[in-house]
N, C-alpha and C. Protein backbone atom coordinates (compact mmCIF):
# COMPACT_ATOMS: atom_id res chain seq x y z
N MET A 1 -96.65 73.39 7.03
CA MET A 1 -95.88 74.63 6.91
C MET A 1 -94.42 74.31 7.21
N GLU A 2 -93.53 74.80 6.39
CA GLU A 2 -92.10 74.56 6.57
C GLU A 2 -91.57 75.45 7.69
N ASP A 3 -90.69 74.89 8.51
CA ASP A 3 -90.06 75.63 9.60
C ASP A 3 -88.99 76.54 9.00
N ASN A 4 -89.18 77.85 9.07
CA ASN A 4 -88.22 78.77 8.47
C ASN A 4 -87.64 79.75 9.48
N LEU A 5 -87.66 79.40 10.75
CA LEU A 5 -87.10 80.27 11.76
C LEU A 5 -85.59 80.07 11.86
N LEU A 6 -84.87 81.18 12.03
CA LEU A 6 -83.46 81.12 12.36
C LEU A 6 -83.40 80.83 13.85
N ARG A 7 -82.46 80.01 14.28
CA ARG A 7 -82.42 79.67 15.71
C ARG A 7 -80.99 79.68 16.24
N VAL A 8 -80.89 79.96 17.54
CA VAL A 8 -79.63 79.80 18.26
C VAL A 8 -79.92 78.89 19.44
N TYR A 9 -79.13 77.82 19.56
CA TYR A 9 -79.28 76.85 20.63
C TYR A 9 -78.18 77.13 21.66
N GLY A 10 -78.55 77.66 22.83
CA GLY A 10 -77.58 78.05 23.83
C GLY A 10 -77.36 77.00 24.90
N ILE A 11 -76.10 76.76 25.25
CA ILE A 11 -75.78 75.77 26.29
C ILE A 11 -75.16 76.39 27.53
N GLU A 12 -74.76 77.62 27.44
CA GLU A 12 -74.13 78.29 28.58
C GLU A 12 -75.13 78.33 29.73
N PRO A 13 -74.72 77.95 30.95
CA PRO A 13 -75.66 77.97 32.08
C PRO A 13 -76.39 79.30 32.24
N GLY A 14 -75.76 80.41 31.92
CA GLY A 14 -76.41 81.71 32.04
C GLY A 14 -77.18 82.11 30.80
N SER A 15 -77.31 81.20 29.83
CA SER A 15 -77.96 81.58 28.58
C SER A 15 -79.46 81.76 28.73
N ASP A 16 -79.98 81.45 29.91
CA ASP A 16 -81.39 81.71 30.14
C ASP A 16 -81.62 83.17 30.52
N GLY A 17 -80.55 83.97 30.60
CA GLY A 17 -80.69 85.36 30.99
C GLY A 17 -79.79 86.29 30.21
N LEU A 18 -80.01 86.41 28.91
CA LEU A 18 -79.24 87.32 28.06
C LEU A 18 -80.02 88.62 27.90
N PRO A 19 -79.54 89.72 28.46
CA PRO A 19 -80.27 90.99 28.33
C PRO A 19 -80.32 91.48 26.88
N LEU A 20 -81.44 92.06 26.51
CA LEU A 20 -81.60 92.62 25.17
C LEU A 20 -80.55 93.70 24.90
N ARG A 21 -80.11 94.42 25.94
CA ARG A 21 -79.12 95.48 25.77
C ARG A 21 -77.84 94.95 25.13
N THR A 22 -77.48 93.71 25.43
CA THR A 22 -76.27 93.11 24.85
C THR A 22 -76.41 93.00 23.34
N ILE A 23 -77.55 92.51 22.88
CA ILE A 23 -77.79 92.37 21.44
C ILE A 23 -77.89 93.74 20.79
N LEU A 24 -78.62 94.65 21.43
CA LEU A 24 -78.77 96.01 20.90
C LEU A 24 -77.41 96.69 20.78
N GLY A 25 -76.54 96.52 21.77
CA GLY A 25 -75.21 97.10 21.73
C GLY A 25 -74.40 96.61 20.54
N ALA A 26 -74.47 95.31 20.27
CA ALA A 26 -73.75 94.75 19.12
C ALA A 26 -74.28 95.33 17.81
N LEU A 27 -75.59 95.47 17.70
CA LEU A 27 -76.20 96.01 16.48
C LEU A 27 -75.83 97.48 16.28
N ARG A 28 -75.88 98.24 17.34
CA ARG A 28 -75.57 99.68 17.22
C ARG A 28 -74.08 99.90 17.00
N THR A 29 -73.24 99.08 17.62
CA THR A 29 -71.80 99.19 17.40
C THR A 29 -71.47 98.92 15.94
N ALA A 30 -72.22 98.03 15.32
CA ALA A 30 -72.03 97.73 13.90
C ALA A 30 -72.64 98.81 13.00
N GLY A 31 -73.29 99.80 13.61
CA GLY A 31 -73.81 100.93 12.85
C GLY A 31 -75.24 100.81 12.35
N TYR A 32 -76.00 99.86 12.87
CA TYR A 32 -77.38 99.68 12.40
C TYR A 32 -78.35 100.54 13.20
N PRO A 33 -79.27 101.23 12.50
CA PRO A 33 -80.25 102.10 13.17
C PRO A 33 -81.44 101.31 13.70
N VAL A 34 -81.23 100.62 14.81
CA VAL A 34 -82.25 99.73 15.34
C VAL A 34 -82.62 100.07 16.78
N ALA A 35 -83.74 99.54 17.18
CA ALA A 35 -84.21 99.59 18.56
C ALA A 35 -84.97 98.30 18.81
N PHE A 36 -85.26 98.01 20.07
CA PHE A 36 -86.09 96.87 20.40
C PHE A 36 -87.45 97.36 20.84
N LEU A 37 -88.45 96.58 20.54
CA LEU A 37 -89.82 96.88 20.93
C LEU A 37 -90.38 95.63 21.61
N THR A 38 -90.72 95.74 22.90
CA THR A 38 -91.28 94.60 23.62
C THR A 38 -92.76 94.78 23.93
N GLY A 39 -93.25 95.99 23.77
CA GLY A 39 -94.66 96.26 24.02
C GLY A 39 -95.37 96.62 22.74
N ILE A 40 -96.59 97.10 22.89
CA ILE A 40 -97.40 97.45 21.73
C ILE A 40 -96.89 98.72 21.05
N ALA A 41 -96.43 99.68 21.82
CA ALA A 41 -95.97 100.94 21.23
C ALA A 41 -94.74 101.44 21.97
N GLY A 42 -93.90 102.17 21.27
CA GLY A 42 -92.73 102.80 21.88
C GLY A 42 -91.57 101.83 22.05
N GLU A 43 -90.39 102.42 22.18
CA GLU A 43 -89.19 101.60 22.36
C GLU A 43 -89.17 100.96 23.73
N THR A 44 -88.39 99.94 23.86
CA THR A 44 -88.22 99.23 25.11
C THR A 44 -87.53 100.14 26.12
N THR A 45 -87.96 100.09 27.37
CA THR A 45 -87.37 100.92 28.42
C THR A 45 -86.00 100.39 28.83
N ASP A 46 -85.23 101.22 29.54
CA ASP A 46 -83.92 100.78 30.04
C ASP A 46 -84.07 99.56 30.94
N GLU A 47 -85.09 99.55 31.76
CA GLU A 47 -85.33 98.42 32.65
C GLU A 47 -85.57 97.14 31.85
N GLU A 48 -86.35 97.24 30.79
CA GLU A 48 -86.62 96.07 29.95
C GLU A 48 -85.37 95.63 29.20
N LEU A 49 -84.55 96.58 28.75
CA LEU A 49 -83.31 96.23 28.05
C LEU A 49 -82.32 95.50 28.96
N ASP A 50 -82.34 95.83 30.26
CA ASP A 50 -81.39 95.24 31.20
C ASP A 50 -81.91 93.95 31.84
N ALA A 51 -83.18 93.63 31.67
CA ALA A 51 -83.78 92.45 32.29
C ALA A 51 -83.20 91.16 31.70
N ASP A 52 -82.93 90.21 32.58
CA ASP A 52 -82.45 88.91 32.13
C ASP A 52 -83.59 88.06 31.57
N ALA A 53 -84.78 88.27 32.10
CA ALA A 53 -85.94 87.47 31.69
C ALA A 53 -86.81 88.25 30.71
N TRP A 54 -86.96 87.73 29.53
CA TRP A 54 -87.85 88.30 28.52
C TRP A 54 -88.27 87.17 27.60
N ASP A 55 -89.42 87.33 26.97
CA ASP A 55 -89.94 86.28 26.11
C ASP A 55 -89.79 86.59 24.63
N ALA A 56 -90.05 87.86 24.26
CA ALA A 56 -90.04 88.22 22.85
C ALA A 56 -89.74 89.71 22.68
N ALA A 57 -89.12 90.04 21.56
CA ALA A 57 -88.83 91.44 21.23
C ALA A 57 -88.73 91.60 19.72
N PHE A 58 -89.32 92.67 19.22
CA PHE A 58 -89.19 93.01 17.82
C PHE A 58 -87.91 93.82 17.62
N ILE A 59 -87.22 93.57 16.50
CA ILE A 59 -86.12 94.45 16.10
C ILE A 59 -86.76 95.49 15.18
N ARG A 60 -86.69 96.74 15.60
CA ARG A 60 -87.28 97.85 14.84
C ARG A 60 -86.17 98.59 14.09
N TRP A 61 -86.37 98.76 12.79
CA TRP A 61 -85.46 99.52 11.94
C TRP A 61 -85.94 100.96 11.95
N ASN A 62 -85.06 101.92 12.21
CA ASN A 62 -85.49 103.31 12.41
C ASN A 62 -85.27 104.24 11.23
N GLU A 63 -84.57 103.82 10.19
CA GLU A 63 -84.29 104.73 9.07
C GLU A 63 -84.49 104.03 7.72
N PRO A 64 -84.90 104.65 6.70
CA PRO A 64 -85.48 105.99 6.65
C PRO A 64 -86.91 106.01 7.19
N GLN A 65 -87.56 104.81 7.21
CA GLN A 65 -88.88 104.69 7.82
C GLN A 65 -88.79 103.70 8.96
N ILE A 66 -89.64 103.89 9.95
CA ILE A 66 -89.69 102.95 11.07
C ILE A 66 -90.48 101.71 10.65
N HIS A 67 -89.88 100.54 10.82
CA HIS A 67 -90.56 99.28 10.53
C HIS A 67 -89.83 98.14 11.26
N GLU A 68 -90.58 97.10 11.61
CA GLU A 68 -90.01 95.96 12.28
C GLU A 68 -89.46 94.99 11.22
N ILE A 69 -88.27 94.45 11.51
CA ILE A 69 -87.65 93.53 10.55
C ILE A 69 -87.62 92.09 11.04
N ALA A 70 -87.71 91.89 12.36
CA ALA A 70 -87.64 90.53 12.90
C ALA A 70 -88.24 90.48 14.29
N LEU A 71 -88.63 89.29 14.67
CA LEU A 71 -89.12 89.02 16.02
C LEU A 71 -88.21 87.96 16.63
N ILE A 72 -87.64 88.27 17.79
CA ILE A 72 -86.80 87.31 18.51
C ILE A 72 -87.61 86.78 19.69
N GLU A 73 -87.67 85.46 19.80
CA GLU A 73 -88.34 84.83 20.93
C GLU A 73 -87.35 83.95 21.66
N ARG A 74 -87.45 83.95 22.98
CA ARG A 74 -86.55 83.16 23.82
C ARG A 74 -87.35 82.10 24.55
N ASP A 75 -86.96 80.84 24.39
CA ASP A 75 -87.63 79.73 25.07
C ASP A 75 -86.60 78.98 25.90
N LEU A 76 -86.97 78.69 27.14
CA LEU A 76 -86.11 77.92 28.03
C LEU A 76 -86.56 76.47 28.02
N VAL A 77 -85.64 75.57 27.80
CA VAL A 77 -85.95 74.15 27.70
C VAL A 77 -86.60 73.66 28.99
N ALA A 78 -86.12 74.10 30.13
CA ALA A 78 -86.66 73.64 31.41
C ALA A 78 -88.10 74.09 31.66
N ASP A 79 -88.53 75.14 30.98
CA ASP A 79 -89.84 75.72 31.25
C ASP A 79 -90.95 75.26 30.32
N SER A 80 -90.64 74.48 29.29
CA SER A 80 -91.65 74.19 28.28
C SER A 80 -91.55 72.77 27.74
N GLU A 81 -92.62 72.03 27.90
CA GLU A 81 -92.69 70.68 27.34
C GLU A 81 -92.61 70.74 25.82
N GLU A 82 -93.25 71.74 25.21
CA GLU A 82 -93.22 71.90 23.76
C GLU A 82 -91.79 72.10 23.27
N THR A 83 -91.01 72.90 24.01
CA THR A 83 -89.63 73.14 23.64
C THR A 83 -88.80 71.86 23.77
N ARG A 84 -89.05 71.09 24.82
CA ARG A 84 -88.32 69.82 24.99
C ARG A 84 -88.65 68.83 23.87
N ILE A 85 -89.92 68.77 23.47
CA ILE A 85 -90.32 67.88 22.38
C ILE A 85 -89.66 68.32 21.08
N TYR A 86 -89.71 69.63 20.81
CA TYR A 86 -89.08 70.16 19.60
C TYR A 86 -87.59 69.82 19.59
N LEU A 87 -86.91 70.02 20.71
CA LEU A 87 -85.48 69.75 20.79
C LEU A 87 -85.20 68.26 20.57
N SER A 88 -86.01 67.41 21.14
CA SER A 88 -85.85 65.97 20.96
C SER A 88 -86.01 65.58 19.49
N GLN A 89 -86.99 66.16 18.82
CA GLN A 89 -87.19 65.88 17.39
C GLN A 89 -86.02 66.40 16.55
N THR A 90 -85.48 67.54 16.93
CA THR A 90 -84.34 68.10 16.21
C THR A 90 -83.12 67.19 16.37
N ILE A 91 -82.89 66.70 17.57
CA ILE A 91 -81.77 65.78 17.82
C ILE A 91 -81.95 64.51 16.97
N GLN A 92 -83.17 63.97 16.94
CA GLN A 92 -83.42 62.78 16.13
C GLN A 92 -83.13 63.05 14.65
N SER A 93 -83.52 64.20 14.16
CA SER A 93 -83.25 64.55 12.76
C SER A 93 -81.76 64.65 12.50
N VAL A 94 -81.04 65.29 13.41
CA VAL A 94 -79.59 65.44 13.25
C VAL A 94 -78.91 64.07 13.27
N MET A 95 -79.40 63.16 14.09
CA MET A 95 -78.78 61.83 14.20
C MET A 95 -78.94 61.02 12.91
N ASN A 96 -79.83 61.43 12.03
CA ASN A 96 -80.01 60.74 10.75
C ASN A 96 -79.12 61.29 9.65
N HIS A 97 -78.31 62.28 9.96
CA HIS A 97 -77.46 62.94 8.96
C HIS A 97 -76.27 62.04 8.60
N ALA A 98 -75.86 62.09 7.36
CA ALA A 98 -74.75 61.26 6.88
C ALA A 98 -73.39 61.73 7.37
N ASP A 99 -73.23 63.02 7.68
CA ASP A 99 -71.96 63.58 8.15
C ASP A 99 -71.80 63.23 9.63
N LEU A 100 -71.07 62.15 9.91
CA LEU A 100 -70.97 61.65 11.28
C LEU A 100 -70.25 62.60 12.22
N VAL A 101 -69.24 63.30 11.74
CA VAL A 101 -68.51 64.24 12.60
C VAL A 101 -69.41 65.42 12.96
N GLY A 102 -70.01 66.04 11.95
CA GLY A 102 -70.93 67.16 12.20
C GLY A 102 -72.12 66.73 13.03
N GLN A 103 -72.64 65.54 12.73
CA GLN A 103 -73.78 65.00 13.47
C GLN A 103 -73.45 64.88 14.96
N THR A 104 -72.27 64.35 15.27
CA THR A 104 -71.86 64.16 16.65
C THR A 104 -71.71 65.49 17.38
N ILE A 105 -71.06 66.44 16.75
CA ILE A 105 -70.85 67.76 17.36
C ILE A 105 -72.19 68.43 17.64
N VAL A 106 -73.06 68.48 16.65
CA VAL A 106 -74.34 69.17 16.80
C VAL A 106 -75.25 68.44 17.79
N ALA A 107 -75.35 67.12 17.69
CA ALA A 107 -76.20 66.36 18.61
C ALA A 107 -75.75 66.54 20.05
N ASN A 108 -74.44 66.49 20.30
CA ASN A 108 -73.93 66.69 21.66
C ASN A 108 -74.28 68.09 22.17
N HIS A 109 -74.18 69.09 21.31
CA HIS A 109 -74.54 70.45 21.69
C HIS A 109 -76.03 70.54 22.00
N LEU A 110 -76.85 69.98 21.13
CA LEU A 110 -78.30 70.06 21.34
C LEU A 110 -78.73 69.37 22.62
N ARG A 111 -78.06 68.29 22.99
CA ARG A 111 -78.40 67.59 24.24
C ARG A 111 -78.13 68.46 25.47
N LYS A 112 -77.22 69.42 25.36
CA LYS A 112 -76.88 70.30 26.48
C LYS A 112 -77.62 71.65 26.42
N THR A 113 -78.45 71.84 25.41
CA THR A 113 -79.13 73.12 25.20
C THR A 113 -80.05 73.46 26.36
N VAL A 114 -79.95 74.71 26.85
CA VAL A 114 -80.83 75.20 27.91
C VAL A 114 -81.76 76.31 27.42
N SER A 115 -81.42 76.93 26.28
CA SER A 115 -82.28 77.99 25.74
C SER A 115 -82.25 77.96 24.22
N ILE A 116 -83.37 78.37 23.64
CA ILE A 116 -83.47 78.47 22.18
C ILE A 116 -83.98 79.86 21.86
N TYR A 117 -83.20 80.57 21.07
CA TYR A 117 -83.58 81.90 20.58
C TYR A 117 -84.01 81.74 19.13
N SER A 118 -85.29 82.02 18.86
CA SER A 118 -85.84 81.88 17.51
C SER A 118 -86.03 83.26 16.90
N VAL A 119 -85.63 83.40 15.65
CA VAL A 119 -85.76 84.69 14.97
C VAL A 119 -86.66 84.50 13.75
N GLN A 120 -87.79 85.18 13.79
CA GLN A 120 -88.73 85.16 12.66
C GLN A 120 -88.49 86.41 11.83
N ILE A 121 -88.21 86.23 10.56
CA ILE A 121 -87.99 87.35 9.65
C ILE A 121 -89.34 87.88 9.22
N LEU A 122 -89.54 89.18 9.35
CA LEU A 122 -90.82 89.80 9.07
C LEU A 122 -90.92 90.29 7.62
N PRO A 123 -92.14 90.51 7.12
CA PRO A 123 -92.36 90.86 5.70
C PRO A 123 -91.53 92.05 5.20
N ALA A 124 -91.35 93.08 6.01
CA ALA A 124 -90.59 94.24 5.54
C ALA A 124 -89.19 93.86 5.09
N LEU A 125 -88.61 92.87 5.73
CA LEU A 125 -87.28 92.41 5.37
C LEU A 125 -87.35 91.38 4.23
N LEU A 126 -88.32 90.49 4.29
CA LEU A 126 -88.46 89.47 3.25
C LEU A 126 -88.71 90.08 1.88
N GLU A 127 -89.34 91.25 1.85
CA GLU A 127 -89.68 91.90 0.59
C GLU A 127 -88.53 92.69 -0.02
N SER A 128 -87.39 92.76 0.68
CA SER A 128 -86.27 93.56 0.18
C SER A 128 -84.96 92.82 0.35
N ASP A 129 -84.48 92.22 -0.74
CA ASP A 129 -83.23 91.47 -0.69
C ASP A 129 -82.01 92.32 -0.37
N ASP A 130 -82.08 93.63 -0.65
CA ASP A 130 -80.92 94.48 -0.42
C ASP A 130 -81.04 95.32 0.85
N HIS A 131 -81.98 94.99 1.72
CA HIS A 131 -82.16 95.70 2.99
C HIS A 131 -80.95 95.44 3.90
N ASP A 132 -80.42 96.46 4.54
CA ASP A 132 -79.29 96.29 5.45
C ASP A 132 -79.65 95.45 6.67
N GLY A 133 -80.94 95.26 6.88
CA GLY A 133 -81.39 94.44 8.00
C GLY A 133 -80.92 93.00 7.92
N TRP A 134 -80.67 92.50 6.69
CA TRP A 134 -80.14 91.14 6.57
C TRP A 134 -78.78 91.02 7.26
N ALA A 135 -77.92 91.99 7.03
CA ALA A 135 -76.60 91.98 7.68
C ALA A 135 -76.75 92.19 9.18
N ALA A 136 -77.72 92.99 9.58
CA ALA A 136 -77.97 93.22 11.01
C ALA A 136 -78.41 91.92 11.69
N LEU A 137 -79.22 91.12 11.02
CA LEU A 137 -79.64 89.83 11.60
C LEU A 137 -78.44 88.92 11.81
N ASP A 138 -77.50 88.95 10.89
CA ASP A 138 -76.29 88.17 11.04
C ASP A 138 -75.54 88.59 12.31
N VAL A 139 -75.44 89.90 12.53
CA VAL A 139 -74.78 90.42 13.73
C VAL A 139 -75.54 89.98 14.98
N ALA A 140 -76.86 90.06 14.96
CA ALA A 140 -77.67 89.68 16.12
C ALA A 140 -77.51 88.19 16.43
N LEU A 141 -77.58 87.34 15.42
CA LEU A 141 -77.44 85.90 15.63
C LEU A 141 -76.06 85.55 16.18
N ARG A 142 -75.03 86.14 15.61
CA ARG A 142 -73.67 85.86 16.08
C ARG A 142 -73.45 86.38 17.50
N CYS A 143 -74.04 87.52 17.83
CA CYS A 143 -73.94 88.06 19.18
C CYS A 143 -74.60 87.11 20.18
N ILE A 144 -75.81 86.68 19.87
CA ILE A 144 -76.51 85.76 20.77
C ILE A 144 -75.69 84.48 20.93
N ALA A 145 -75.24 83.91 19.82
CA ALA A 145 -74.47 82.66 19.88
C ALA A 145 -73.19 82.82 20.70
N ALA A 146 -72.51 83.94 20.55
CA ALA A 146 -71.28 84.17 21.31
C ALA A 146 -71.58 84.29 22.81
N GLN A 147 -72.67 84.92 23.15
CA GLN A 147 -73.01 85.14 24.56
C GLN A 147 -73.49 83.88 25.27
N VAL A 148 -74.14 82.98 24.54
CA VAL A 148 -74.74 81.80 25.18
C VAL A 148 -74.05 80.49 24.78
N ASP A 149 -72.85 80.60 24.18
CA ASP A 149 -72.13 79.44 23.68
C ASP A 149 -73.09 78.62 22.82
N GLY A 150 -73.62 79.29 21.79
CA GLY A 150 -74.67 78.69 20.99
C GLY A 150 -74.26 78.28 19.60
N LEU A 151 -75.07 77.40 19.03
CA LEU A 151 -74.99 77.05 17.62
C LEU A 151 -76.14 77.74 16.91
N ILE A 152 -75.85 78.27 15.74
CA ILE A 152 -76.86 78.94 14.92
C ILE A 152 -77.38 77.94 13.90
N TYR A 153 -78.71 77.91 13.74
CA TYR A 153 -79.30 77.09 12.69
C TYR A 153 -80.01 77.98 11.69
N VAL A 154 -79.64 77.84 10.42
CA VAL A 154 -80.26 78.58 9.32
C VAL A 154 -80.88 77.56 8.37
N PRO A 155 -82.22 77.57 8.21
CA PRO A 155 -82.86 76.61 7.31
C PRO A 155 -82.27 76.69 5.90
N GLY A 156 -82.02 75.54 5.34
CA GLY A 156 -81.46 75.48 3.99
C GLY A 156 -79.94 75.55 3.97
N GLU A 157 -79.34 75.95 5.08
CA GLU A 157 -77.88 76.02 5.17
C GLU A 157 -77.35 75.01 6.18
N GLY A 158 -77.83 75.09 7.43
CA GLY A 158 -77.40 74.15 8.44
C GLY A 158 -77.01 74.81 9.73
N PHE A 159 -76.21 74.09 10.52
CA PHE A 159 -75.75 74.54 11.83
C PHE A 159 -74.35 75.12 11.71
N CYS A 160 -74.13 76.28 12.33
CA CYS A 160 -72.80 76.89 12.34
C CYS A 160 -72.50 77.47 13.71
N ASP A 161 -71.22 77.77 13.94
CA ASP A 161 -70.83 78.35 15.22
C ASP A 161 -71.01 79.87 15.18
N CYS A 162 -70.63 80.54 16.25
CA CYS A 162 -70.85 81.99 16.34
C CYS A 162 -69.99 82.79 15.36
N ASP A 163 -68.99 82.15 14.75
CA ASP A 163 -68.18 82.82 13.73
C ASP A 163 -68.69 82.56 12.32
N GLY A 164 -69.78 81.79 12.22
CA GLY A 164 -70.35 81.49 10.92
C GLY A 164 -69.74 80.27 10.25
N GLU A 165 -68.89 79.55 10.96
CA GLU A 165 -68.25 78.34 10.42
C GLU A 165 -69.27 77.21 10.39
N LEU A 166 -69.54 76.67 9.21
CA LEU A 166 -70.53 75.61 9.04
C LEU A 166 -70.03 74.33 9.70
N ILE A 167 -70.87 73.77 10.56
CA ILE A 167 -70.53 72.53 11.26
C ILE A 167 -71.28 71.35 10.66
N LEU A 168 -72.56 71.56 10.31
CA LEU A 168 -73.38 70.50 9.74
C LEU A 168 -74.32 71.11 8.71
N ALA A 169 -74.09 70.77 7.45
CA ALA A 169 -74.94 71.30 6.38
C ALA A 169 -76.31 70.66 6.45
N ASP A 170 -77.33 71.42 6.06
CA ASP A 170 -78.69 70.90 6.02
C ASP A 170 -78.77 69.74 5.05
N ASP A 171 -79.47 68.73 5.45
CA ASP A 171 -79.81 67.61 4.58
C ASP A 171 -81.27 67.80 4.25
N GLU A 172 -81.58 68.06 2.99
CA GLU A 172 -82.94 68.40 2.58
C GLU A 172 -83.97 67.40 3.07
N ASP A 173 -83.62 66.14 3.14
CA ASP A 173 -84.58 65.11 3.55
C ASP A 173 -84.89 65.16 5.04
N LEU A 174 -84.03 65.78 5.84
CA LEU A 174 -84.23 65.76 7.28
C LEU A 174 -85.25 66.79 7.76
N PHE A 175 -85.31 67.94 7.12
CA PHE A 175 -86.11 69.03 7.66
C PHE A 175 -87.23 69.45 6.72
N ASP A 176 -87.83 68.50 5.99
CA ASP A 176 -88.86 68.89 5.04
C ASP A 176 -90.25 68.38 5.41
N SER A 177 -90.44 67.91 6.63
CA SER A 177 -91.75 67.41 7.02
C SER A 177 -92.72 68.55 7.30
N GLU A 178 -93.98 68.20 7.37
CA GLU A 178 -95.02 69.19 7.70
C GLU A 178 -94.85 69.53 9.19
N THR A 179 -94.61 70.81 9.49
CA THR A 179 -94.41 71.22 10.87
C THR A 179 -95.24 72.43 11.21
N ASP A 180 -95.46 72.62 12.52
CA ASP A 180 -96.17 73.81 12.96
C ASP A 180 -95.17 74.95 13.11
N GLU A 181 -95.62 76.08 13.66
CA GLU A 181 -94.75 77.25 13.73
C GLU A 181 -93.54 77.05 14.63
N PHE A 182 -93.57 76.07 15.53
CA PHE A 182 -92.44 75.83 16.40
C PHE A 182 -91.54 74.75 15.85
N GLY A 183 -91.95 74.12 14.75
CA GLY A 183 -91.14 73.07 14.15
C GLY A 183 -91.60 71.68 14.54
N LEU A 184 -92.70 71.58 15.31
CA LEU A 184 -93.21 70.29 15.69
C LEU A 184 -94.07 69.72 14.58
N GLU A 185 -94.01 68.41 14.41
CA GLU A 185 -94.80 67.81 13.35
C GLU A 185 -96.27 68.00 13.64
N GLU A 186 -97.00 68.39 12.61
CA GLU A 186 -98.44 68.63 12.76
C GLU A 186 -99.18 67.30 12.77
N GLU A 187 -100.26 67.27 13.53
CA GLU A 187 -101.13 66.11 13.56
C GLU A 187 -101.91 66.06 12.25
N PRO A 188 -102.09 64.87 11.67
CA PRO A 188 -102.90 64.80 10.45
C PRO A 188 -104.35 65.17 10.79
N GLU A 189 -105.01 65.79 9.83
CA GLU A 189 -106.40 66.20 10.04
C GLU A 189 -107.27 64.97 10.08
N GLN A 190 -108.24 64.99 11.00
CA GLN A 190 -109.19 63.90 11.13
C GLN A 190 -110.27 64.03 10.06
N ALA A 191 -110.69 62.92 9.49
CA ALA A 191 -111.72 62.95 8.45
C ALA A 191 -113.10 63.07 9.04
């Protein structure tokens, strides 16, 4: 399975504690009719929006129909061996890139990464190329990147800063291996 998650790699020491309210504020300031959902039903409470520690939240689109457009997950490098392995493999892939300047900038950033915010685009958004949620995701990614001094990774495009400035374009040969949902290479099936 190809890794198709949008990601933000945060290096800011406080990037392990970005409240959902910060992201929600950026989205609502931009005029998007969204809410966060961290439980099975109902919007996220004020306490949950203000919490520094959270694992996952759905971005819910509220107009004209209520539907989820994306799932944001937050992983801390210090807390997960799987995250450290994924990050190590990503650094190795970047080090194979022909663009030495971009490679150096991105690899140095990835070595300092303390948090990874992964955004999975959900079917309601994938099925509609003209959905305003696409622009909202751009706002959410840039907000996260600005808050955590992060680099944004978009599959098929590459790594960019919080202003959308491309730093390292994707090299098709680097990121086309068989991977699991976290981007780790899958074990070959035993016969």
